[in-house]
Every structure is written in C-alpha cells, then in structure tokens.
Protein backbone atom coordinates (compact mmCIF):
# COMPACT_ATOMS: atom_id res chain seq x y z
CA MET A 1 23.38 -4.78 4.72
CA LYS A 2 22.95 -6.54 1.28
CA VAL A 3 19.38 -6.07 -0.61
CA ILE A 4 18.70 -7.37 -3.98
CA VAL A 5 15.59 -6.96 -5.61
CA TYR A 6 14.61 -9.14 -8.59
CA SER A 7 11.88 -7.20 -10.77
CA SER A 8 9.74 -7.29 -14.16
CA LYS A 9 8.29 -4.74 -15.99
CA GLY A 10 5.02 -3.99 -15.24
CA CYS A 11 4.92 -5.07 -12.08
CA PRO A 12 2.85 -3.11 -9.64
CA TYR A 13 4.48 -4.95 -6.61
CA CYS A 14 7.82 -4.75 -7.48
CA GLU A 15 6.86 -0.42 -7.76
CA LYS A 16 5.22 -1.34 -4.06
CA VAL A 17 8.91 -2.96 -3.04
CA LYS A 18 11.30 -0.45 -4.26
CA SER A 19 8.99 2.92 -3.32
CA ALA A 20 9.25 1.27 0.04
CA LEU A 21 13.28 0.64 0.70
CA LYS A 22 13.49 4.15 -0.84
CA GLU A 23 11.13 5.06 1.87
CA TRP A 24 13.26 3.67 4.54
CA GLY A 25 16.26 4.52 3.15
CA ILE A 26 17.62 1.31 2.37
CA GLN A 27 19.87 1.02 -0.58
CA TYR A 28 18.89 -1.59 -2.86
CA GLU A 29 20.42 -3.70 -6.04
CA GLU A 30 17.74 -3.96 -9.07
CA ARG A 31 18.04 -6.88 -11.18
CA ASN A 32 15.41 -6.44 -13.84
CA VAL A 33 14.73 -10.11 -15.15
CA SER A 34 12.81 -8.83 -18.47
CA VAL A 35 15.75 -6.57 -19.19
CA VAL A 36 18.51 -9.30 -18.16
CA LYS A 37 18.31 -12.76 -19.29
CA GLU A 38 20.95 -13.74 -16.97
CA TYR A 39 18.77 -12.35 -13.82
CA PHE A 40 15.73 -14.38 -15.31
CA ASP A 41 17.68 -17.67 -15.20
CA GLU A 42 18.98 -16.93 -11.85
CA LEU A 43 15.35 -16.84 -10.45
CA ARG A 44 14.68 -20.20 -12.20
CA GLU A 45 17.54 -22.10 -10.89
CA LYS A 46 16.25 -21.27 -7.46
CA LYS A 47 12.99 -22.70 -8.58
CA ILE A 48 11.54 -19.10 -8.08
CA MET A 49 8.50 -18.46 -10.45
CA GLY A 50 7.56 -14.83 -9.87
CA THR A 51 8.71 -11.18 -8.85
CA PRO A 52 9.22 -9.35 -6.91
CA ALA A 53 11.56 -11.66 -5.54
CA THR A 54 13.87 -9.70 -2.80
CA TYR A 55 17.12 -10.87 -0.97
CA VAL A 56 18.13 -9.34 2.35
CA ASN A 57 21.19 -10.35 3.53
CA GLY A 58 20.67 -13.90 1.85
CA LYS A 59 17.10 -14.26 2.94
CA LEU A 60 14.18 -14.30 0.60
CA ILE A 61 11.03 -12.16 0.82
CA LEU A 62 8.68 -13.01 -1.79
CA GLY A 63 6.02 -10.08 -3.07
CA PHE A 64 5.44 -7.02 -1.11
CA GLN A 65 4.96 -8.25 2.93
CA GLU A 66 5.62 -5.50 4.90
CA LYS A 67 5.93 -6.80 8.30
CA LYS A 68 8.40 -9.40 6.83
CA PHE A 69 10.35 -6.71 5.08
CA ARG A 70 10.31 -4.54 8.28
CA LYS A 71 11.93 -7.64 10.53
CA ALA A 72 14.46 -8.38 7.99
CA LEU A 73 15.72 -4.75 7.82
CA GLY A 74 15.56 -4.11 11.65
CA LEU A 75 12.85 -2.08 11.29
CA PRO A 76 10.12 -1.32 14.05
CA LEU A 77 6.64 -2.93 13.49
CA ASP A 78 4.66 -0.59 15.96
CA SER A 79 4.39 2.41 13.20
CA GLU A 80 4.00 0.52 10.27
CA GLU A 81 2.65 3.17 7.17
CA LYS A 82 1.40 1.59 3.77
CA VAL A 83 3.96 2.04 1.40
CA GLU A 84 2.33 2.81 -1.95
CA SER A 85 4.25 2.81 -5.34
CA LYS A 86 4.76 6.09 -6.84
CA SER A 87 4.37 5.73 -10.69
CA THR A 88 4.73 9.56 -11.22
CA GLU A 89 6.67 12.47 -9.94
CA GLN A 90 3.66 13.26 -7.54
CA GLY A 91 2.15 10.87 -5.42
CA ASP A 92 -1.27 10.70 -4.09
CA GLU A 93 -0.56 12.88 -0.75
CA GLU A 94 -0.59 15.68 -3.34
CA ILE A 95 -3.93 14.78 -4.91
CA PHE A 96 -5.25 13.54 -1.70
CA ALA A 97 -5.43 15.90 1.48
CA SER A 98 -6.45 15.41 5.05
CA ILE A 99 -9.45 16.04 6.48
CA THR A 100 -10.02 19.82 7.82
CA LYS A 101 -12.30 21.63 10.07
CA GLU A 102 -13.20 23.75 7.02
CA ILE A 103 -14.28 20.87 5.37
CA LEU A 104 -16.36 19.51 8.12
CA GLU A 105 -18.28 23.11 8.36
CA ASP A 106 -18.74 23.09 4.65
CA GLU A 107 -21.68 21.91 2.44
CA TYR A 108 -20.56 20.89 -0.85
CA ASP A 109 -22.83 20.72 -3.76
CA PHE A 110 -21.28 17.37 -4.96
CA VAL A 111 -19.55 14.35 -2.92
CA MET A 112 -18.05 11.10 -4.50
CA ILE A 113 -17.80 8.46 -2.16
CA GLY A 114 -14.82 6.55 -4.22
CA GLY A 115 -11.93 8.29 -6.01
CA GLY A 116 -11.62 5.62 -9.12
CA PRO A 117 -12.27 6.24 -12.47
CA ALA A 118 -16.03 6.61 -11.82
CA GLY A 119 -15.40 9.02 -9.00
CA ALA A 120 -12.90 10.71 -10.65
CA SER A 121 -14.50 11.56 -13.99
CA ALA A 122 -17.57 12.49 -12.21
CA ALA A 123 -15.80 14.82 -10.21
CA VAL A 124 -14.39 16.28 -13.70
CA TYR A 125 -17.53 17.40 -14.97
CA SER A 126 -19.18 18.58 -11.69
CA ALA A 127 -15.87 20.43 -10.62
CA ARG A 128 -16.19 21.99 -14.35
CA ALA A 129 -19.98 23.18 -14.24
CA LYS A 130 -18.84 25.00 -10.88
CA LEU A 131 -20.14 22.71 -8.44
CA LYS A 132 -18.36 22.43 -5.08
CA THR A 133 -16.79 19.14 -5.33
CA LEU A 134 -15.75 16.93 -3.05
CA VAL A 135 -14.14 13.45 -3.39
CA LEU A 136 -13.63 10.91 -0.60
CA ASP A 137 -11.41 7.35 -0.64
CA LYS A 138 -9.92 5.45 2.11
CA ALA A 139 -7.20 3.74 0.00
CA PRO A 140 -6.32 5.80 -3.56
CA LYS A 141 -4.06 3.30 -4.75
CA ALA A 142 -6.00 0.09 -3.88
CA GLY A 143 -8.64 0.10 -6.66
CA THR A 144 -9.11 -2.25 -9.50
CA LEU A 145 -7.83 0.27 -11.76
CA ALA A 146 -5.30 1.54 -9.42
CA ILE A 147 -3.35 -2.28 -9.26
CA THR A 148 -3.98 -3.04 -12.88
CA HIS A 149 -0.13 -3.49 -13.98
CA LYS A 150 -0.61 -2.54 -17.56
CA ILE A 151 -3.27 -0.88 -20.24
CA ALA A 152 -2.46 0.02 -23.48
CA ASN A 153 -6.00 0.46 -25.33
CA TYR A 154 -7.22 3.34 -23.48
CA PRO A 155 -8.84 5.89 -25.92
CA GLY A 156 -6.28 9.10 -26.03
CA ILE A 157 -3.46 7.40 -24.10
CA ARG A 158 -0.73 5.95 -26.48
CA GLY A 159 1.37 3.40 -25.61
CA GLU A 160 1.66 1.46 -22.22
CA VAL A 161 0.79 3.05 -18.72
CA THR A 162 0.19 1.73 -15.47
CA GLY A 163 -3.81 1.71 -14.09
CA LEU A 164 -2.02 3.87 -11.34
CA GLU A 165 -0.67 6.18 -14.05
CA LEU A 166 -3.51 6.65 -15.56
CA LEU A 167 -6.20 7.07 -12.58
CA GLU A 168 -3.69 9.76 -11.17
CA VAL A 169 -4.02 11.80 -14.72
CA MET A 170 -8.08 11.33 -14.24
CA GLN A 171 -8.01 12.95 -10.63
CA LYS A 172 -5.46 15.62 -11.45
CA GLN A 173 -7.29 16.87 -14.49
CA ALA A 174 -10.24 16.88 -11.95
CA LYS A 175 -8.27 18.69 -9.30
CA ASP A 176 -6.83 21.32 -11.95
CA PHE A 177 -10.99 22.25 -12.10
CA GLY A 178 -11.30 22.27 -8.55
CA ALA A 179 -12.59 19.17 -7.18
CA GLN A 180 -10.77 18.81 -3.61
CA PHE A 181 -9.50 14.81 -3.17
CA VAL A 182 -9.65 13.55 0.62
CA ARG A 183 -8.39 10.61 2.38
CA THR A 184 -10.76 9.22 4.65
CA ASN A 185 -13.26 6.09 5.51
CA VAL A 186 -16.96 6.34 5.25
CA LEU A 187 -18.60 4.82 8.24
CA SER A 188 -22.21 5.35 7.31
CA VAL A 189 -24.72 7.70 5.76
CA ASP A 190 -28.03 9.40 6.06
CA PHE A 191 -29.94 10.52 3.22
CA SER A 192 -33.31 11.18 4.66
CA ASP A 193 -33.21 15.22 4.27
CA GLU A 194 -32.59 17.58 1.60
CA VAL A 195 -28.87 18.20 2.80
CA LYS A 196 -27.39 14.41 2.88
CA LYS A 197 -24.77 13.37 5.60
CA ILE A 198 -21.86 11.34 5.57
CA ASN A 199 -20.33 10.42 8.56
CA ILE A 200 -16.39 9.59 8.57
CA PRO A 201 -14.37 9.18 11.96
CA GLU A 202 -13.40 13.09 11.50
CA GLY A 203 -17.21 13.64 11.67
CA THR A 204 -19.73 14.60 9.33
CA ILE A 205 -19.81 15.87 5.72
CA LYS A 206 -22.76 17.92 4.24
CA ALA A 207 -23.85 17.60 0.62
CA LYS A 208 -26.60 18.32 -1.51
CA SER A 209 -25.81 15.92 -3.82
CA VAL A 210 -24.15 12.22 -3.70
CA PHE A 211 -22.40 10.00 -5.78
CA ILE A 212 -21.84 6.35 -4.80
CA ALA A 213 -18.63 5.12 -6.84
CA VAL A 214 -16.89 2.25 -4.97
CA GLY A 215 -16.32 0.14 -7.32
CA ALA A 216 -15.67 -3.57 -7.55
CA LYS A 217 -12.40 -5.76 -6.55
CA ALA A 218 -12.23 -9.79 -7.43
CA PRO A 219 -12.63 -11.91 -4.21
CA GLY A 220 -10.16 -12.12 -1.88
CA SER A 221 -10.89 -15.67 -0.77
CA LYS A 222 -7.93 -17.75 -0.79
CA ILE A 223 -7.11 -21.71 -1.75
CA LYS A 224 -5.41 -23.53 1.27
CA GLY A 225 -1.90 -23.71 0.46
CA GLU A 226 -1.87 -20.62 -2.18
CA GLU A 227 0.31 -17.97 0.11
CA ASP A 228 2.76 -20.84 1.02
CA PHE A 229 3.62 -21.14 -2.98
CA THR A 230 3.17 -17.51 -4.16
CA GLY A 231 6.13 -16.84 -6.13
CA ARG A 232 7.05 -20.64 -6.50
CA GLY A 233 4.34 -21.63 -8.75
CA VAL A 234 1.74 -19.37 -7.63
CA SER A 235 1.34 -16.45 -9.56
CA TYR A 236 -1.00 -13.42 -10.26
CA CYS A 237 0.03 -11.43 -13.59
CA SER A 238 0.77 -13.27 -16.86
CA THR A 239 2.11 -10.25 -18.13
CA CYS A 240 5.07 -10.20 -15.36
CA ASP A 241 5.36 -14.01 -14.81
CA ALA A 242 4.27 -15.83 -17.88
CA ALA A 243 7.89 -16.43 -19.29
CA PHE A 244 9.11 -18.15 -16.06
CA TYR A 245 6.31 -20.64 -17.06
CA GLU A 246 8.02 -21.61 -20.73
CA GLY A 247 7.04 -25.32 -21.88
CA ARG A 248 5.47 -25.96 -18.53
CA THR A 249 1.77 -27.35 -18.01
CA VAL A 250 -0.19 -24.11 -16.16
CA VAL A 251 -3.70 -23.97 -14.54
CA VAL A 252 -5.91 -20.91 -14.51
CA ALA A 253 -8.59 -20.87 -11.90
CA GLY A 254 -11.34 -18.20 -12.76
CA ASP A 255 -14.65 -18.01 -14.17
CA ASN A 256 -14.47 -14.26 -15.82
CA GLU A 257 -13.10 -12.74 -18.98
CA GLU A 258 -9.88 -11.75 -16.98
CA ALA A 259 -9.03 -15.46 -16.44
CA LEU A 260 -9.71 -15.97 -20.57
CA HIS A 261 -7.22 -12.79 -21.20
CA GLU A 262 -4.48 -14.66 -18.50
CA ALA A 263 -4.84 -18.05 -20.63
CA GLU A 264 -4.36 -16.46 -23.23
CA MET A 265 -1.35 -14.61 -22.33
CA LEU A 266 0.06 -18.16 -20.69
CA ALA A 267 -0.54 -20.09 -24.07
CA LYS A 268 2.02 -18.08 -25.78
CA PHE A 269 4.46 -19.43 -23.51
CA CYS A 270 3.62 -22.75 -22.02
CA LYS A 271 3.24 -26.17 -23.15
CA GLU A 272 -0.67 -26.91 -22.08
CA VAL A 273 -3.09 -24.47 -20.29
CA SER A 274 -5.82 -25.52 -18.58
CA LEU A 275 -8.57 -23.37 -17.29
CA TYR A 276 -10.37 -25.00 -14.26
CA TYR A 277 -14.02 -22.52 -13.14
CA ARG A 278 -16.55 -23.14 -10.60
CA LEU A 279 -19.97 -24.42 -12.03
CA ARG A 280 -22.73 -22.20 -11.16
CA ALA A 281 -26.19 -23.65 -10.42
C-alpha cells in the first residue's frame, strides 16, 4: 500500500492525518509543500489548492475525513475513535483522565466546565490557592484555541506555536499545582443548593463553586457545494494555503476580525481579494 501525504507548515489538519496514520500503523511518505517547491507545484498542477491532500494507492482524500481514510485503508468502521493530533510529547490522554468512582464520591471546592484557556487559567489560580480543583471537558482538542494553526503574539511565548501547544502548556501548569482534568460531557447542572450538582453520563459531580468556561466557536453553517470544493478552491487557512492562490482572484466570506486578517494575508499573494459579509439589520 502506498500512502503519500502532502502537508504544510502550521496546518492542524495535516497533523491530524499524520497522527491517525501513525495510530493505525500505516507507513506514509510526507511531502511538505512549504519546504519543497516541487511538491507545491505538483498539487497546483493537479488543481488541488490546499493541504492536507493524501493519496492512498492513487486515490485522493482531501482534509481529514476519518471514515474515508478507514475505507480506503481497509480499516473497520464500527469502532472508530476520533484521532487527535499530538503536537507535544505528551498528549491529552496524559492531561485528561477518565471519570472514576472517587471523583463522583468527592466534593470539590472549584469545578471548571471547559478546559480551554479560560478554564485552564482559572484552574491555575484555584489549584495554587490549595482549592480542590476539577476541570471537565468533553473535547479537549476541539476548542477555538486548540484548532488555531499558529500563534506568534502571546505574551511570554517567543516564536510561533500552535494553539494546541499553548493550551497544553496552560493545562499542564494547572495540573502541576494539583488540578484534575477529566474528559466527560456535562448534561445538566443544578445550582439550587449550596453544594452544586453537575450531571454527567457517569453520574453526578458535587462542587462548592462552578466556573463555566465553555468558550465560543465560529458558526458551522455551510454554503451549498462548499464541502464538494474543499481543497479545490475552498480553503479555511490562509497561512496554510495562501500560496496556492498566488496571482488569482479570491473572495473571503466573513464579517469579523478573523476574516479581515485572512484577507490581509491573502492580499500578499493574490491578484485581487474581495471581502463578502452579511449585512445586519
């Protein structure tokens, strides 16, 4: 079986693809288009305008689509597990544990719902203050910061890091002070009594104080036909893919600061950049 992965620097989904292939024991050849211009040109000749682009025995898979990967690789589909990229030597399995009987029997001083930057920062302070601290998160690597491909302006962090790398530093710092991190899904809460109750599939967690830090994500609505052209003219990461559109006319759809930054990056490569946004009443 021949597997070729076209990747680029700062591409979070490229890391997911490579992590999944390693997890499944699949050997692959990586072709980084940010390093070798020849690989970049190969994709452009094939009219592929983004990474990751993976060929499994000649069959193209764009992005990270686990079901398509499993089918192409002949792997079972009934026991799928979400494969996350591992940007550091220690993954979230070493930060986030499973719910135990002891956790359900205990009473915590401070529980964070959400393990992103807000929840992790709060956990640093509460754990350092000797408060019994628990952080709950259903998907530690799916938040806005975790999927950010590059950060170069965070105070105290020199150079460029991925959002996931930065987030794991925060979480590990809180864990060093004694905070516990567990992966679970919060179903409901009951704040009517002095001891608050957080209902999860495994049971109920008790806490004196609860900090809700669920964060925010951009709307996931899709334009008709958008997914069909992902990697073939539709991209989501200007840092990853702007060079593919050099000399072309492009459109950025969005009405927030992020869209402006993407347009600014694309303007360095493209012949013309238009920003489309929705008028608000």
